[in-house]
C-alpha cells in the first residue's frame, strides 16, 4: 500500500546530536521501509516489508507503486527485503529482490527473484534462489544482496533462522553467504562445488544473521552480522572460510549461557571488528563518494538498538588493529539502511519497527 507522504516539501531538521557533521533532511515518511537503491535517473526503488515496492523521487514524492511484486509472508523480521539493480540495468531493466515466502505447516524462508522493471511493473519474475529448508519462526532471514564488481556473480546472505546448528550444516544453506550466477545457477569455482547439493552454493559458512554485504573499491567483500547477546561482527569475507557460529562468538546466548570466544578456536575466521555491547547492525555501505572526502573508503553501518550510524575506518591510527569503529552518529531512531546517493550524499532509511510504524527517508549532506 502506498503510504501518504506527510511532507509536501522536504525540510531540514535538527540533527539528533548537535555535533553530527552533516545536515539531515527529512525527505519522506514510509511504512516499514527495508531497502533502497538508486536508479540511473536518480529516483529510488524502496521496499516496504508488507510487500510494496515504491518508486520515490529525491523530493520525496512516491511516483508509483510497482506491480508484479511477489507475494510475501509479512511478520516479525520477514516480508519484502532487499532490492538491487542488475549490473546491466541501464539496458536490461533487470532488478533483483529478496523476500520471505510462506511454506507449509507454518514454515517460511527467504527467496530471491529476478524481474524486468518496465515502467511501473515487474515483468517475467523468476525465483532464482531459496533458503533450504523452510523452517518455523520469523527471524534471521538475512537476505541481503550484492553483485561482484565484475557483475558476474550474485552474493546472497542467508541467516541461521534462529536455529543455531544450520550455520555449520552441509545439508542446509542457512547461516551462510552464497555465491550464484545471475540466473541462479551455481559457479563451478565455488569452494564447495564438488560436494553438490546446497553446499555447492556456499561461499562462506558459520554466520548468524548477516544483514549487510558490500564491496570496497578494491573489490573485497565485507559483511556485517548481528551477534547473539552482543558480539556483532564486521568482517572481510574470504572464500571458503568458516566464521565459527554457533561454536564461537564474542557474544553469548540470550539465556546467559556462554559461547566460547573466537580466540579459543583459531581455526575459525575471527571478526575484524566486533561490538560489546551490541549495536544491532542492519545494513552496510562502503562510501566511495567525495561529498564527505574525509570518509571516502569508510564503511557505514546502520544501527537498530543503538539508534545510530556507525563509521568504521580501515586505517585507524594508534590502534592495535587497522580496522576499528571511528565515529558513531546518534540519530534518535532505529536505522534500517544506509546508502550512498548519486551526488555523494548519504541516504538513510529509519526502521518502522517489527510491530508497525513509520520509517523516514533521510538525506545527509555536508554542513553548509
Protein backbone atom coordinates (compact mmCIF):
# COMPACT_ATOMS: atom_id res chain seq x y z
CA UNK A 1 0.00 0.00 0.00
CA UNK A 2 1.29 3.45 -0.91
CA UNK A 3 1.65 5.43 2.27
CA UNK A 4 0.73 9.08 2.24
CA UNK A 5 3.74 11.35 2.50
CA UNK A 6 3.15 13.82 5.28
CA UNK A 7 5.59 16.35 3.91
CA UNK A 8 4.71 18.20 0.71
CA UNK A 9 8.20 19.67 0.62
CA UNK A 10 11.40 18.44 2.19
CA UNK A 11 12.73 20.43 5.10
CA UNK A 12 15.80 20.46 7.28
CA UNK A 13 15.61 19.07 10.79
CA UNK A 14 17.95 19.45 13.68
CA UNK A 15 20.39 16.55 13.99
CA UNK A 16 19.75 14.08 16.82
CA UNK A 17 23.17 15.06 18.10
CA UNK A 18 24.21 18.69 17.79
CA UNK A 19 27.74 17.81 16.78
CA UNK A 20 26.85 15.48 13.88
CA UNK A 21 28.95 16.73 10.96
CA UNK A 22 26.08 16.78 8.48
CA UNK A 23 22.72 18.37 7.83
CA UNK A 24 19.76 15.99 7.98
CA UNK A 25 16.85 16.48 5.61
CA UNK A 26 13.61 14.58 6.06
CA UNK A 27 12.62 13.51 2.56
CA UNK A 28 9.65 11.18 3.04
CA UNK A 29 7.59 9.18 5.53
CA UNK A 30 7.25 5.50 4.64
CA UNK A 31 5.76 2.39 6.25
CA UNK A 32 8.09 -0.44 7.28
CA UNK A 33 10.86 0.53 4.80
CA UNK A 34 13.60 -2.08 4.48
CA UNK A 35 15.84 -1.36 1.49
CA UNK A 36 16.50 1.14 -1.27
CA UNK A 37 18.59 1.52 -4.38
CA UNK A 38 19.11 4.38 -6.82
CA UNK A 39 18.25 4.03 -10.48
CA UNK A 40 20.38 5.76 -13.15
CA UNK A 41 17.84 8.61 -13.42
CA UNK A 42 18.31 9.42 -9.70
CA UNK A 43 14.99 8.03 -8.50
CA UNK A 44 14.88 5.41 -5.76
CA UNK A 45 13.35 1.98 -5.60
CA UNK A 46 12.26 1.45 -1.98
CA UNK A 47 10.88 -1.75 -0.46
CA UNK A 48 8.36 -1.80 2.36
CA UNK A 49 8.23 -5.01 4.38
CA UNK A 50 4.49 -5.54 4.00
CA UNK A 51 5.04 -6.08 0.26
CA UNK A 52 5.17 -2.73 -1.53
CA UNK A 53 7.87 -1.65 -3.96
CA UNK A 54 7.81 2.10 -4.48
CA UNK A 55 9.43 4.49 -6.94
CA UNK A 56 10.32 7.63 -4.98
CA UNK A 57 11.94 10.76 -6.37
CA UNK A 58 14.55 12.74 -4.50
CA UNK A 59 11.95 15.32 -3.48
CA UNK A 60 10.16 12.62 -1.51
CA UNK A 61 7.21 12.05 -3.81
CA UNK A 62 6.03 8.48 -4.24
CA UNK A 63 5.60 8.44 -8.01
CA UNK A 64 4.12 4.96 -8.19
CA UNK A 65 3.76 1.60 -6.52
CA UNK A 66 5.27 -1.08 -8.70
CA UNK A 67 3.01 -4.00 -9.60
CA UNK A 68 4.10 -7.61 -10.09
CA UNK A 69 5.90 -7.84 -6.74
CA UNK A 70 5.99 -11.40 -5.33
CA UNK A 71 3.59 -12.28 -2.54
CA UNK A 72 5.39 -12.05 0.79
CA UNK A 73 4.97 -13.63 4.22
CA UNK A 74 4.93 -10.50 6.36
CA UNK A 75 5.56 -10.60 10.09
CA UNK A 76 8.38 -10.38 12.59
CA UNK A 77 11.58 -9.84 10.60
CA UNK A 78 10.02 -11.21 7.41
CA UNK A 79 8.48 -9.61 4.36
CA UNK A 80 9.78 -7.83 1.29
CA UNK A 81 13.53 -7.38 1.67
CA UNK A 82 16.44 -6.17 -0.41
CA UNK A 83 16.34 -4.58 -3.87
CA UNK A 84 19.34 -4.14 -6.17
CA UNK A 85 19.87 -3.40 -9.85
CA UNK A 86 21.43 -5.84 -12.25
CA UNK A 87 24.84 -4.61 -13.45
CA UNK A 88 23.34 -4.06 -16.92
CA UNK A 89 20.15 -2.42 -15.61
CA UNK A 90 20.55 0.59 -17.91
CA UNK A 91 19.92 -1.66 -20.92
CA UNK A 92 18.11 -4.67 -19.46
CA UNK A 93 15.91 -3.09 -16.79
CA UNK A 94 16.53 -6.16 -14.63
CA UNK A 95 16.31 -5.99 -10.85
CA UNK A 96 16.80 -8.50 -8.04
CA UNK A 97 14.57 -8.59 -4.98
CA UNK A 98 14.63 -10.72 -1.85
CA UNK A 99 11.56 -11.64 0.15
CA UNK A 100 10.16 -14.11 2.65
CA UNK A 101 7.71 -16.64 1.27
CA UNK A 102 5.35 -18.98 3.09
CA UNK A 103 5.74 -22.73 3.01
CA UNK A 104 3.59 -25.46 4.51
CA UNK A 105 2.72 -26.14 8.16
CA UNK A 106 3.75 -22.69 9.34
CA UNK A 107 7.19 -22.79 7.77
CA UNK A 108 8.74 -20.00 5.76
CA UNK A 109 12.03 -18.95 4.19
CA UNK A 110 13.74 -16.26 2.19
CA UNK A 111 13.89 -16.28 -1.59
CA UNK A 112 15.49 -14.16 -4.31
CA UNK A 113 13.81 -13.32 -7.61
CA UNK A 114 14.85 -11.51 -10.76
CA UNK A 115 12.47 -9.49 -12.90
CA UNK A 116 12.42 -6.74 -15.50
CA UNK A 117 11.22 -3.32 -14.37
CA UNK A 118 9.05 -2.00 -17.19
CA UNK A 119 7.63 1.38 -16.22
CA UNK A 120 5.67 0.70 -13.05
CA UNK A 121 5.58 -3.09 -13.30
CA UNK A 122 7.83 -6.05 -12.64
CA UNK A 123 7.61 -8.48 -15.53
CA UNK A 124 8.91 -12.01 -16.00
CA UNK A 125 9.53 -12.52 -12.30
CA UNK A 126 11.52 -15.70 -11.66
CA UNK A 127 12.67 -17.10 -8.32
CA UNK A 128 16.36 -17.97 -8.70
CA UNK A 129 17.24 -18.96 -5.11
CA UNK A 130 15.54 -20.19 -1.92
CA UNK A 131 16.55 -20.90 1.64
CA UNK A 132 16.56 -24.64 2.20
CA UNK A 133 14.85 -25.89 4.23
CA UNK A 134 11.96 -23.62 5.11
CA UNK A 135 11.51 -23.60 8.86
CA UNK A 136 9.40 -22.16 11.66
CA UNK A 137 9.89 -18.76 13.21
CA UNK A 138 10.04 -15.23 11.84
CA UNK A 139 13.64 -14.22 12.43
CA UNK A 140 17.14 -14.25 10.95
CA UNK A 141 16.38 -14.34 7.26
CA UNK A 142 19.37 -12.21 6.32
CA UNK A 143 18.62 -11.94 2.56
CA UNK A 144 20.90 -9.03 1.68
CA UNK A 145 22.19 -8.96 -1.91
CA UNK A 146 25.34 -7.71 -3.65
CA UNK A 147 26.80 -8.15 -7.12
CA UNK A 148 30.51 -8.68 -7.56
CA UNK A 149 32.24 -5.67 -9.14
CA UNK A 150 32.61 -7.53 -12.46
CA UNK A 151 28.88 -8.25 -12.47
CA UNK A 152 29.41 -11.96 -12.93
CA UNK A 153 28.21 -13.25 -9.57
CA UNK A 154 25.44 -12.51 -7.08
CA UNK A 155 26.17 -12.85 -3.36
CA UNK A 156 23.28 -13.63 -1.01
CA UNK A 157 23.35 -13.55 2.79
CA UNK A 158 21.31 -16.26 4.50
CA UNK A 159 20.60 -16.15 8.23
CA UNK A 160 20.56 -19.16 10.53
CA UNK A 161 16.80 -18.67 11.17
CA UNK A 162 17.47 -18.66 14.92
CA UNK A 163 18.13 -22.43 14.77
CA UNK A 164 21.90 -22.25 15.55
CA UNK A 165 23.17 -25.54 14.08
CA UNK A 166 22.26 -24.92 10.41
CA UNK A 167 25.17 -22.48 10.20
CA UNK A 168 27.57 -25.45 10.35
CA UNK A 169 25.42 -27.97 8.45
CA UNK A 170 26.38 -29.15 4.96
CA UNK A 171 22.73 -30.02 4.25
CA UNK A 172 21.29 -26.51 4.59
CA UNK A 173 22.06 -23.13 3.04
CA UNK A 174 21.11 -21.32 6.28
CA UNK A 175 23.71 -19.38 8.24
CA UNK A 176 25.90 -18.85 5.20
CA UNK A 177 26.85 -16.50 2.38
CA UNK A 178 26.04 -17.88 -1.04
CA UNK A 179 27.50 -17.14 -4.47
CA UNK A 180 25.46 -17.83 -7.59
CA UNK A 181 25.39 -16.75 -11.21
CA UNK A 182 22.89 -14.03 -12.17
CA UNK A 183 20.42 -16.70 -13.34
CA UNK A 184 20.72 -18.64 -10.09
CA UNK A 185 22.93 -21.40 -11.46
CA UNK A 186 26.00 -22.35 -9.43
CA UNK A 187 29.55 -21.35 -10.45
CA UNK A 188 31.83 -24.34 -10.74
CA UNK A 189 34.65 -22.48 -8.97
CA UNK A 190 32.70 -22.14 -5.72
CA UNK A 191 34.77 -23.60 -2.86
CA UNK A 192 32.37 -26.44 -2.04
CA UNK A 193 31.02 -27.07 -5.53
CA UNK A 194 32.21 -30.69 -5.56
CA UNK A 195 30.07 -31.51 -2.52
CA UNK A 196 26.93 -30.91 -4.55
CA UNK A 197 23.52 -30.05 -3.14
CA UNK A 198 23.10 -26.75 -1.36
CA UNK A 199 26.76 -26.77 -0.30
CA UNK A 200 27.70 -26.08 -3.90
CA UNK A 201 26.18 -22.59 -3.46
CA UNK A 202 28.16 -21.79 -0.32
CA UNK A 203 30.93 -19.18 -0.31
CA UNK A 204 31.35 -18.98 3.50
CA UNK A 205 29.67 -20.64 6.46
CA UNK A 206 29.28 -20.18 10.21
CA UNK A 207 27.25 -16.97 10.02
CA UNK A 208 24.40 -15.99 12.36
CA UNK A 209 22.29 -13.20 10.85
CA UNK A 210 24.26 -11.41 8.10
CA UNK A 211 22.43 -8.16 7.38
CA UNK A 212 24.89 -6.29 5.21
CA UNK A 213 27.10 -7.07 2.22
CA UNK A 214 29.27 -4.53 0.40
CA UNK A 215 32.32 -4.47 -1.84
CA UNK A 216 35.07 -1.91 -1.34
CA UNK A 217 36.92 -0.06 -4.10
CA UNK A 218 39.49 -2.87 -4.36
CA UNK A 219 36.79 -5.49 -4.92
CA UNK A 220 36.94 -7.04 -1.44
CA UNK A 221 33.65 -8.23 0.04
CA UNK A 222 32.75 -7.18 3.60
CA UNK A 223 29.89 -8.26 5.82
CA UNK A 224 28.10 -7.03 8.94
CA UNK A 225 26.37 -9.55 11.15
CA UNK A 226 24.11 -9.35 14.17
CA UNK A 227 25.54 -11.37 17.05
CA UNK A 228 23.59 -13.11 19.81
CA UNK A 229 23.56 -11.18 23.12
CA UNK A 230 26.26 -8.74 21.94
CA UNK A 231 29.18 -9.73 19.75
CA UNK A 232 28.02 -8.09 16.50
CA UNK A 233 30.66 -8.71 13.81
CA UNK A 234 32.20 -6.78 10.92
CA UNK A 235 34.50 -8.86 8.73
CA UNK A 236 36.14 -9.45 5.39
CA UNK A 237 34.55 -12.35 3.55
CA UNK A 238 37.19 -14.83 2.42
CA UNK A 239 36.42 -17.65 0.03
CA UNK A 240 35.64 -20.94 1.78
CA UNK A 241 36.18 -19.68 5.34
CA UNK A 242 34.21 -20.84 8.38
CA UNK A 243 33.30 -17.94 10.70
CA UNK A 244 32.51 -20.22 13.60
CA UNK A 245 28.92 -19.59 14.69
CA UNK A 246 27.43 -21.08 16.86
CA UNK A 247 30.60 -22.79 18.09
CA UNK A 248 32.29 -19.46 18.82
CA UNK A 249 31.14 -15.88 19.21
CA UNK A 250 32.21 -12.80 21.13
CA UNK A 251 28.65 -12.66 22.44
CA UNK A 252 26.63 -15.14 24.49
CA UNK A 253 23.21 -16.74 24.23
CA UNK A 254 20.23 -14.65 25.31
CA UNK A 255 19.68 -17.16 28.10
CA UNK A 256 23.04 -16.14 29.56
CA UNK A 257 24.73 -19.38 28.56
CA UNK A 258 28.25 -18.58 27.44
CA UNK A 259 29.62 -19.17 23.96
CA UNK A 260 33.39 -19.60 23.71
CA UNK A 261 35.13 -16.51 22.27
CA UNK A 262 36.79 -16.57 18.87
CA UNK A 263 40.27 -16.63 20.37
CA UNK A 264 39.60 -20.09 21.84
CA UNK A 265 39.22 -21.64 18.38
CA UNK A 266 41.76 -20.15 15.96
CA UNK A 267 40.68 -22.47 13.16
CA UNK A 268 37.62 -20.24 12.70
CA UNK A 269 37.87 -16.85 10.99
CA UNK A 270 37.62 -14.13 13.66
CA UNK A 271 35.87 -10.80 13.01
CA UNK A 272 37.90 -7.73 12.06
CA UNK A 273 35.83 -5.63 14.47
CA UNK A 274 33.10 -6.56 16.94
CA UNK A 275 30.83 -4.82 19.41
CA UNK A 276 30.15 -5.49 23.07
CA UNK A 277 27.65 -4.04 23.87
CA UNK A 278 25.74 -4.63 20.64
CA UNK A 279 24.92 -2.03 18.04
CA UNK A 280 22.37 -4.34 16.33
CA UNK A 281 23.56 -3.79 12.74
CA UNK A 282 21.02 -3.66 9.93
CA UNK A 283 22.96 -2.80 6.78
CA UNK A 284 26.36 -1.98 5.32
CA UNK A 285 27.60 0.62 2.85
CA UNK A 286 31.20 1.43 1.88
CA UNK A 287 31.38 5.07 0.93
CA UNK A 288 33.06 5.92 -2.38
CA UNK A 289 31.80 9.47 -2.81
CA UNK A 290 33.52 12.83 -2.42
CA UNK A 291 30.82 14.95 -0.80
CA UNK A 292 32.38 13.84 2.50
CA UNK A 293 36.01 13.45 1.36
CA UNK A 294 37.28 12.56 4.82
CA UNK A 295 35.01 9.50 4.77
CA UNK A 296 35.90 8.11 1.35
CA UNK A 297 36.61 4.40 1.74
CA UNK A 298 34.95 4.11 5.17
CA UNK A 299 32.24 1.58 5.98
CA UNK A 300 28.89 2.82 7.31
CA UNK A 301 26.65 0.56 9.38
CA UNK A 302 23.02 1.18 10.26
CA UNK A 303 22.31 0.54 13.94
CA UNK A 304 18.92 -0.62 15.25
CA UNK A 305 19.11 -0.82 19.05
CA UNK A 306 21.98 1.67 19.02
CA UNK A 307 19.85 4.14 17.01
CA UNK A 308 22.99 5.29 15.30
CA UNK A 309 25.09 5.24 12.17
CA UNK A 310 28.50 3.72 12.87
CA UNK A 311 31.51 4.62 10.74
CA UNK A 312 34.26 2.00 10.53
CA UNK A 313 37.70 3.04 9.29
CA UNK A 314 40.21 0.73 7.64
CA UNK A 315 43.28 2.77 8.56
CA UNK A 316 42.92 3.51 12.27
CA UNK A 317 45.98 5.17 13.74
CA UNK A 318 47.17 4.37 17.21
CA UNK A 319 45.10 1.18 17.39
CA UNK A 320 46.26 -2.40 17.71
CA UNK A 321 44.26 -3.24 14.62
CA UNK A 322 43.91 -1.25 11.42
CA UNK A 323 40.11 -1.66 11.37
CA UNK A 324 38.02 0.00 14.08
CA UNK A 325 34.92 1.98 14.85
CA UNK A 326 35.96 5.55 14.11
CA UNK A 327 32.78 7.52 14.81
CA UNK A 328 29.21 6.99 15.93
CA UNK A 329 26.46 9.39 14.91
CA UNK A 330 23.40 9.39 17.16
CA UNK A 331 20.24 9.50 15.04
CA UNK A 332 17.47 9.14 17.62
CA UNK A 333 15.78 6.32 15.70
CA UNK A 334 16.44 2.74 14.63
CA UNK A 335 18.37 2.82 11.35
CA UNK A 336 17.41 0.21 8.77
CA UNK A 337 19.64 1.08 5.81
CA UNK A 338 22.40 3.48 4.78
CA UNK A 339 23.05 4.09 1.07
CA UNK A 340 25.27 6.41 -0.96
CA UNK A 341 23.38 8.72 -3.28
CA UNK A 342 24.29 9.88 -6.80
CA UNK A 343 25.91 13.14 -5.62
CA UNK A 344 27.77 11.52 -2.72
CA UNK A 345 25.20 12.45 -0.11
CA UNK A 346 24.25 9.69 2.32
CA UNK A 347 20.66 8.46 2.33
CA UNK A 348 19.14 6.71 5.31
CA UNK A 349 16.04 4.63 5.98
CA UNK A 350 14.72 4.60 9.50
CA UNK A 351 13.17 1.35 10.69
CA UNK A 352 9.44 1.22 11.28
CA UNK A 353 9.90 -1.49 13.89
CA UNK A 354 8.62 -5.05 13.90
CA UNK A 355 5.26 -4.03 15.41
CA UNK A 356 4.44 -1.27 12.94
CA UNK A 357 5.12 2.41 12.48
CA UNK A 358 6.61 4.87 10.11
CA UNK A 359 10.19 4.99 8.98
CA UNK A 360 11.54 8.15 7.44
CA UNK A 361 13.75 8.54 4.40
CA UNK A 362 16.56 10.96 5.27
CA UNK A 363 19.27 12.69 3.26
CA UNK A 364 22.55 13.58 4.97
CA UNK A 365 24.51 16.41 3.34
CA UNK A 366 27.70 18.29 4.28
CA UNK A 367 27.10 21.21 6.59
CA UNK A 368 26.74 24.43 4.64
